[in-house]
C-alpha atoms as a PDB file:
ATOM      1  CA  MET A   1      79.743 181.347  66.175  1.00  0.00           C
ATOM      2  CA  GLU A   2      82.862 179.929  66.535  1.00  0.00           C
ATOM      3  CA  GLU A   3      81.416 177.382  68.998  1.00  0.00           C
ATOM      4  CA  LYS A   4      78.635 176.611  66.285  1.00  0.00           C
ATOM      5  CA  VAL A   5      81.192 176.261  63.512  1.00  0.00           C
ATOM      6  CA  GLY A   6      83.562 174.006  66.469  1.00  0.00           C
ATOM      7  CA  LEU A   7      80.401 172.083  67.027  1.00  0.00           C
ATOM      8  CA  GLU A   8      78.985 172.032  63.564  1.00  0.00           C
ATOM      9  CA  LEU A   9      82.991 170.388  62.541  1.00  0.00           C
ATOM     10  CA  LYS A  10      82.699 167.750  65.567  1.00  0.00           C
ATOM     11  CA  ILE A  11      79.284 167.051  64.327  1.00  0.00           C
ATOM     12  CA  LEU A  12      80.888 166.352  60.766  1.00  0.00           C
ATOM     13  CA  GLU A  13      83.575 164.418  61.856  1.00  0.00           C
ATOM     14  CA  ILE A  14      81.609 161.801  63.836  1.00  0.00           C
ATOM     15  CA  TYR A  15      79.189 161.569  60.407  1.00  0.00           C
ATOM     16  CA  ILE A  16      82.425 160.490  58.461  1.00  0.00           C
ATOM     17  CA  ASP A  17      83.871 158.348  61.264  1.00  0.00           C
ATOM     18  CA  MET A  18      80.089 156.654  61.037  1.00  0.00           C
ATOM     19  CA  LYS A  19      80.238 156.031  57.681  1.00  0.00           C
ATOM     20  CA  TYR A  20      83.820 154.162  57.729  1.00  0.00           C
ATOM     21  CA  PHE A  21      82.536 152.355  60.597  1.00  0.00           C
ATOM     22  CA  LEU A  22      79.292 151.215  58.702  1.00  0.00           C
ATOM     23  CA  LEU A  23      81.188 150.697  55.625  1.00  0.00           C
ATOM     24  CA  VAL A  24      83.671 148.452  57.677  1.00  0.00           C
ATOM     25  CA  LEU A  25      80.898 146.737  59.937  1.00  0.00           C
ATOM     26  CA  LEU A  26      78.853 145.828  56.041  1.00  0.00           C
ATOM     27  CA  ALA A  27      82.137 144.660  54.558  1.00  0.00           C
ATOM     28  CA  SER A  28      82.408 141.924  57.515  1.00  0.00           C
ATOM     29  CA  VAL A  29      79.063 141.044  57.453  1.00  0.00           C
ATOM     30  CA  GLY A  30      79.096 140.381  53.761  1.00  0.00           C
ATOM     31  CA  MET A  31      82.592 138.356  54.054  1.00  0.00           C
ATOM     32  CA  CYS A  32      80.689 136.466  56.767  1.00  0.00           C
ATOM     33  CA  GLN A  33      77.840 135.449  54.621  1.00  0.00           C
ATOM     34  CA  SER A  34      80.134 134.115  52.274  1.00  0.00           C
ATOM     35  CA  ASP A  35      80.074 130.720  50.961  1.00  0.00           C
ATOM     36  CA  PHE A  36      83.855 129.848  51.498  1.00  0.00           C
ATOM     37  CA  ILE A  37      83.221 127.719  54.594  1.00  0.00           C
ATOM     38  CA  LYS A  38      80.623 125.538  54.923  1.00  0.00           C
ATOM     39  CA  PRO A  39      78.404 123.869  57.935  1.00  0.00           C
ATOM     40  CA  SER A  40      78.960 120.643  55.689  1.00  0.00           C
ATOM     41  CA  ASP A  41      82.875 121.093  56.041  1.00  0.00           C
ATOM     42  CA  PHE A  42      82.837 120.360  59.467  1.00  0.00           C
ATOM     43  CA  ASP A  43      81.313 117.064  59.477  1.00  0.00           C
ATOM     44  CA  ASP A  44      82.699 114.403  61.569  1.00  0.00           C
ATOM     45  CA  ASN A  45      83.503 111.113  60.228  1.00  0.00           C
ATOM     46  CA  PRO A  46      83.424 108.318  62.757  1.00  0.00           C
ATOM     47  CA  PRO A  47      86.845 106.827  63.537  1.00  0.00           C
ATOM     48  CA  LYS A  48      87.663 103.767  61.446  1.00  0.00           C
ATOM     49  CA  PHE A  49      89.194 101.128  63.884  1.00  0.00           C
ATOM     50  CA  PRO A  50      91.104  97.862  62.983  1.00  0.00           C
ATOM     51  CA  SER A  51      88.936  94.795  63.416  1.00  0.00           C
ATOM     52  CA  VAL A  52      90.428  92.513  65.604  1.00  0.00           C
ATOM     53  CA  ALA A  53      89.647  88.658  65.334  1.00  0.00           C
ATOM     54  CA  LEU A  54      89.812  87.198  68.995  1.00  0.00           C
ATOM     55  CA  PRO A  55      88.471  83.399  69.621  1.00  0.00           C
ATOM     56  CA  SER A  56      85.403  83.086  70.605  1.00  0.00           C
ATOM     57  CA  PHE A  57      83.757  79.729  71.972  1.00  0.00           C
ATOM     58  CA  SER A  58      80.434  79.741  72.919  1.00  0.00           C
ATOM     59  CA  SER A  59      80.071  77.928  76.388  1.00  0.00           C
ATOM     60  CA  SER A  60      78.004  74.856  75.442  1.00  0.00           C
ATOM     61  CA  ASP A  61      81.437  73.698  73.016  1.00  0.00           C
ATOM     62  CA  ASN A  62      82.709  70.754  74.416  1.00  0.00           C
ATOM     63  CA  ILE A  63      85.999  70.256  72.631  1.00  0.00           C
ATOM     64  CA  THR A  64      87.132  67.093  72.501  1.00  0.00           C
ATOM     65  CA  SER A  65      90.936  65.878  71.797  1.00  0.00           C
ATOM     66  CA  ASP A  66      89.609  64.221  68.431  1.00  0.00           C
ATOM     67  CA  SER A  67      87.822  66.975  67.478  1.00  0.00           C
ATOM     68  CA  THR A  68      90.507  69.639  68.193  1.00  0.00           C
ATOM     69  CA  GLU A  69      92.207  71.699  65.403  1.00  0.00           C
ATOM     70  CA  ILE A  70      96.120  71.987  65.763  1.00  0.00           C
ATOM     71  CA  PHE A  71      97.617  75.800  65.065  1.00  0.00           C
ATOM     72  CA  ASN A  72     101.079  75.495  65.889  1.00  0.00           C
ATOM     73  CA  GLY A  73     101.010  72.891  68.469  1.00  0.00           C
ATOM     74  CA  LEU A  74      98.317  75.761  70.221  1.00  0.00           C
ATOM     75  CA  VAL A  75      94.852  73.989  70.232  1.00  0.00           C
ATOM     76  CA  ARG A  76      91.050  75.864  71.516  1.00  0.00           C
ATOM     77  CA  GLY A  77      90.405  75.530  74.883  1.00  0.00           C
ATOM     78  CA  TYR A  78      90.539  78.315  77.850  1.00  0.00           C
ATOM     79  CA  ARG A  79      92.586  79.666  80.434  1.00  0.00           C
ATOM     80  CA  ILE A  80      91.666  81.701  83.816  1.00  0.00           C
ATOM     81  CA  GLN A  81      92.668  85.593  83.225  1.00  0.00           C
ATOM     82  CA  VAL A  82      93.816  86.338  86.860  1.00  0.00           C
ATOM     83  CA  MET A  83      95.052  90.032  85.995  1.00  0.00           C
ATOM     84  CA  ILE A  84      95.481  92.522  83.633  1.00  0.00           C
ATOM     85  CA  SER A  85      98.310  95.246  83.806  1.00  0.00           C
ATOM     86  CA  GLN A  86     100.966  97.676  81.992  1.00  0.00           C
ATOM     87  CA  ASN A  87     103.533  96.402  84.636  1.00  0.00           C
ATOM     88  CA  GLU A  88     105.291  92.908  83.654  1.00  0.00           C
ATOM     89  CA  ASN A  89     107.307  93.100  86.858  1.00  0.00           C
ATOM     90  CA  GLU A  90     104.041  93.239  89.103  1.00  0.00           C
ATOM     91  CA  LEU A  91     102.849  90.449  87.298  1.00  0.00           C
ATOM     92  CA  ILE A  92     106.166  88.666  87.467  1.00  0.00           C
ATOM     93  CA  SER A  93     105.561  88.627  91.223  1.00  0.00           C
ATOM     94  CA  LEU A  94     102.061  87.756  91.151  1.00  0.00           C
ATOM     95  CA  LYS A  95     102.842  84.806  89.112  1.00  0.00           C
ATOM     96  CA  THR A  96     105.485  83.462  91.273  1.00  0.00           C
ATOM     97  CA  ASN A  97     102.862  83.531  94.624  1.00  0.00           C
ATOM     98  CA  LEU A  98     100.174  82.016  92.025  1.00  0.00           C
ATOM     99  CA  GLU A  99     102.396  78.915  90.975  1.00  0.00           C
ATOM    100  CA  LYS A 100     103.163  78.180  94.845  1.00  0.00           C
ATOM    101  CA  LEU A 101      99.177  78.111  95.430  1.00  0.00           C
ATOM    102  CA  ILE A 102      97.908  76.147  92.492  1.00  0.00           C
ATOM    103  CA  ASP A 103      99.453  73.527  90.441  1.00  0.00           C
ATOM    104  CA  GLN A 104      98.880  74.935  86.804  1.00  0.00           C
ATOM    105  CA  LYS A 105     100.673  76.632  84.827  1.00  0.00           C
ATOM    106  CA  VAL A 106     100.929  80.362  84.825  1.00  0.00           C
ATOM    107  CA  TYR A 107     101.031  82.342  82.051  1.00  0.00           C
ATOM    108  CA  ILE A 108     102.182  85.757  81.410  1.00  0.00           C
ATOM    109  CA  ILE A 109     100.939  87.078  78.110  1.00  0.00           C
ATOM    110  CA  PHE A 110     101.755  90.631  76.056  1.00  0.00           C
ATOM    111  CA  GLU A 111      98.690  91.926  74.014  1.00  0.00           C
ATOM    112  CA  LEU A 112      99.200  95.538  72.915  1.00  0.00           C
ATOM    113  CA  PRO A 113      99.243  97.638  75.230  1.00  0.00           C
ATOM    114  CA  ASN A 114      98.947  95.285  78.514  1.00  0.00           C
ATOM    115  CA  TYR A 115     100.440  92.026  80.191  1.00  0.00           C
ATOM    116  CA  LYS A 116      97.772  89.732  81.122  1.00  0.00           C
ATOM    117  CA  LEU A 117      98.232  86.981  83.683  1.00  0.00           C
ATOM    118  CA  ARG A 118      96.472  83.571  82.784  1.00  0.00           C
ATOM    119  CA  VAL A 119      96.497  80.283  84.180  1.00  0.00           C
ATOM    120  CA  GLY A 120      96.304  76.725  82.780  1.00  0.00           C
ATOM    121  CA  ASP A 121      95.697  74.839  79.937  1.00  0.00           C
ATOM    122  CA  PHE A 122      91.795  73.598  79.906  1.00  0.00           C
ATOM    123  CA  ILE A 123      90.183  71.946  77.069  1.00  0.00           C
ATOM    124  CA  ASN A 124      86.845  72.123  78.313  1.00  0.00           C
ATOM    125  CA  ARG A 125      85.231  75.243  80.018  1.00  0.00           C
ATOM    126  CA  LYS A 126      83.859  73.544  83.315  1.00  0.00           C
ATOM    127  CA  GLU A 127      87.541  72.603  84.624  1.00  0.00           C
ATOM    128  CA  ALA A 128      88.711  75.827  83.705  1.00  0.00           C
ATOM    129  CA  GLU A 129      85.361  77.719  85.594  1.00  0.00           C
ATOM    130  CA  ASN A 130      86.405  74.757  89.088  1.00  0.00           C
ATOM    131  CA  ILE A 131      89.725  76.375  89.066  1.00  0.00           C
ATOM    132  CA  GLN A 132      88.541  79.418  88.418  1.00  0.00           C
ATOM    133  CA  LYS A 133      86.828  79.252  91.466  1.00  0.00           C
ATOM    134  CA  LYS A 134      89.733  78.343  93.680  1.00  0.00           C
ATOM    135  CA  ILE A 135      91.489  81.247  92.532  1.00  0.00           C
ATOM    136  CA  VAL A 136      88.639  83.505  93.421  1.00  0.00           C
ATOM    137  CA  GLN A 137      88.807  81.901  97.287  1.00  0.00           C
ATOM    138  CA  LEU A 138      92.757  82.898  97.175  1.00  0.00           C
ATOM    139  CA  GLY A 139      91.690  86.262  96.702  1.00  0.00           C
ATOM    140  CA  TYR A 140      91.744  87.092  93.030  1.00  0.00           C
ATOM    141  CA  ARG A 141      88.087  88.308  92.784  1.00  0.00           C
ATOM    142  CA  THR A 142      88.569  89.609  89.279  1.00  0.00           C
ATOM    143  CA  ALA A 143      89.776  85.885  87.487  1.00  0.00           C
ATOM    144  CA  TRP A 144      87.387  84.920  84.816  1.00  0.00           C
ATOM    145  CA  VAL A 145      87.421  82.677  82.192  1.00  0.00           C
ATOM    146  CA  VAL A 146      88.663  83.095  78.588  1.00  0.00           C
ATOM    147  CA  PRO A 147      88.403  81.305  75.385  1.00  0.00           C
ATOM    148  CA  THR A 148      91.841  81.588  73.899  1.00  0.00           C
ATOM    149  CA  LEU A 149      94.895  78.680  72.553  1.00  0.00           C
ATOM    150  CA  ILE A 150      96.099  76.756  74.262  1.00  0.00           C
ATOM    151  CA  GLU A 151      99.241  74.132  74.742  1.00  0.00           C
ATOM    152  CA  ALA A 152      98.766  70.999  73.013  1.00  0.00           C
ATOM    153  CA  ASP A 153      99.412  67.702  75.339  1.00  0.00           C
ATOM    154  CA  ILE A 154      99.974  65.407  72.361  1.00  0.00           C
END
């Protein structure tokens, strides 16, 4: 009989524990279904980047000296971009090598976050493309013509 009473007490304890467990489970499910946090709170809006205005000249532009506009001693033209790097010293050594090989002015320009090595001041694109071919033959295969403001020869 004592065993039967002990077994009934154990079952009663389990029943009481189950009641608390079910009560906690129902409360947690109820809290999860609340409108406190909505899925729409997590909509990811696209980032807003600042617009950058770069000079853009089409390849059909024939810029002549009488139609150029002068901006602080600079006119619209072309240069050959040979290399981009975040290490200025690397470009300085390349600049000295290029100045020995070609008879064009070589520039190192800083445009955040990179330094750019550019060659020449060309009014028309064809001149720039001719020099660009020579630079490619020297081993700088990634050289390309970029529209930019150049120094005016006035």
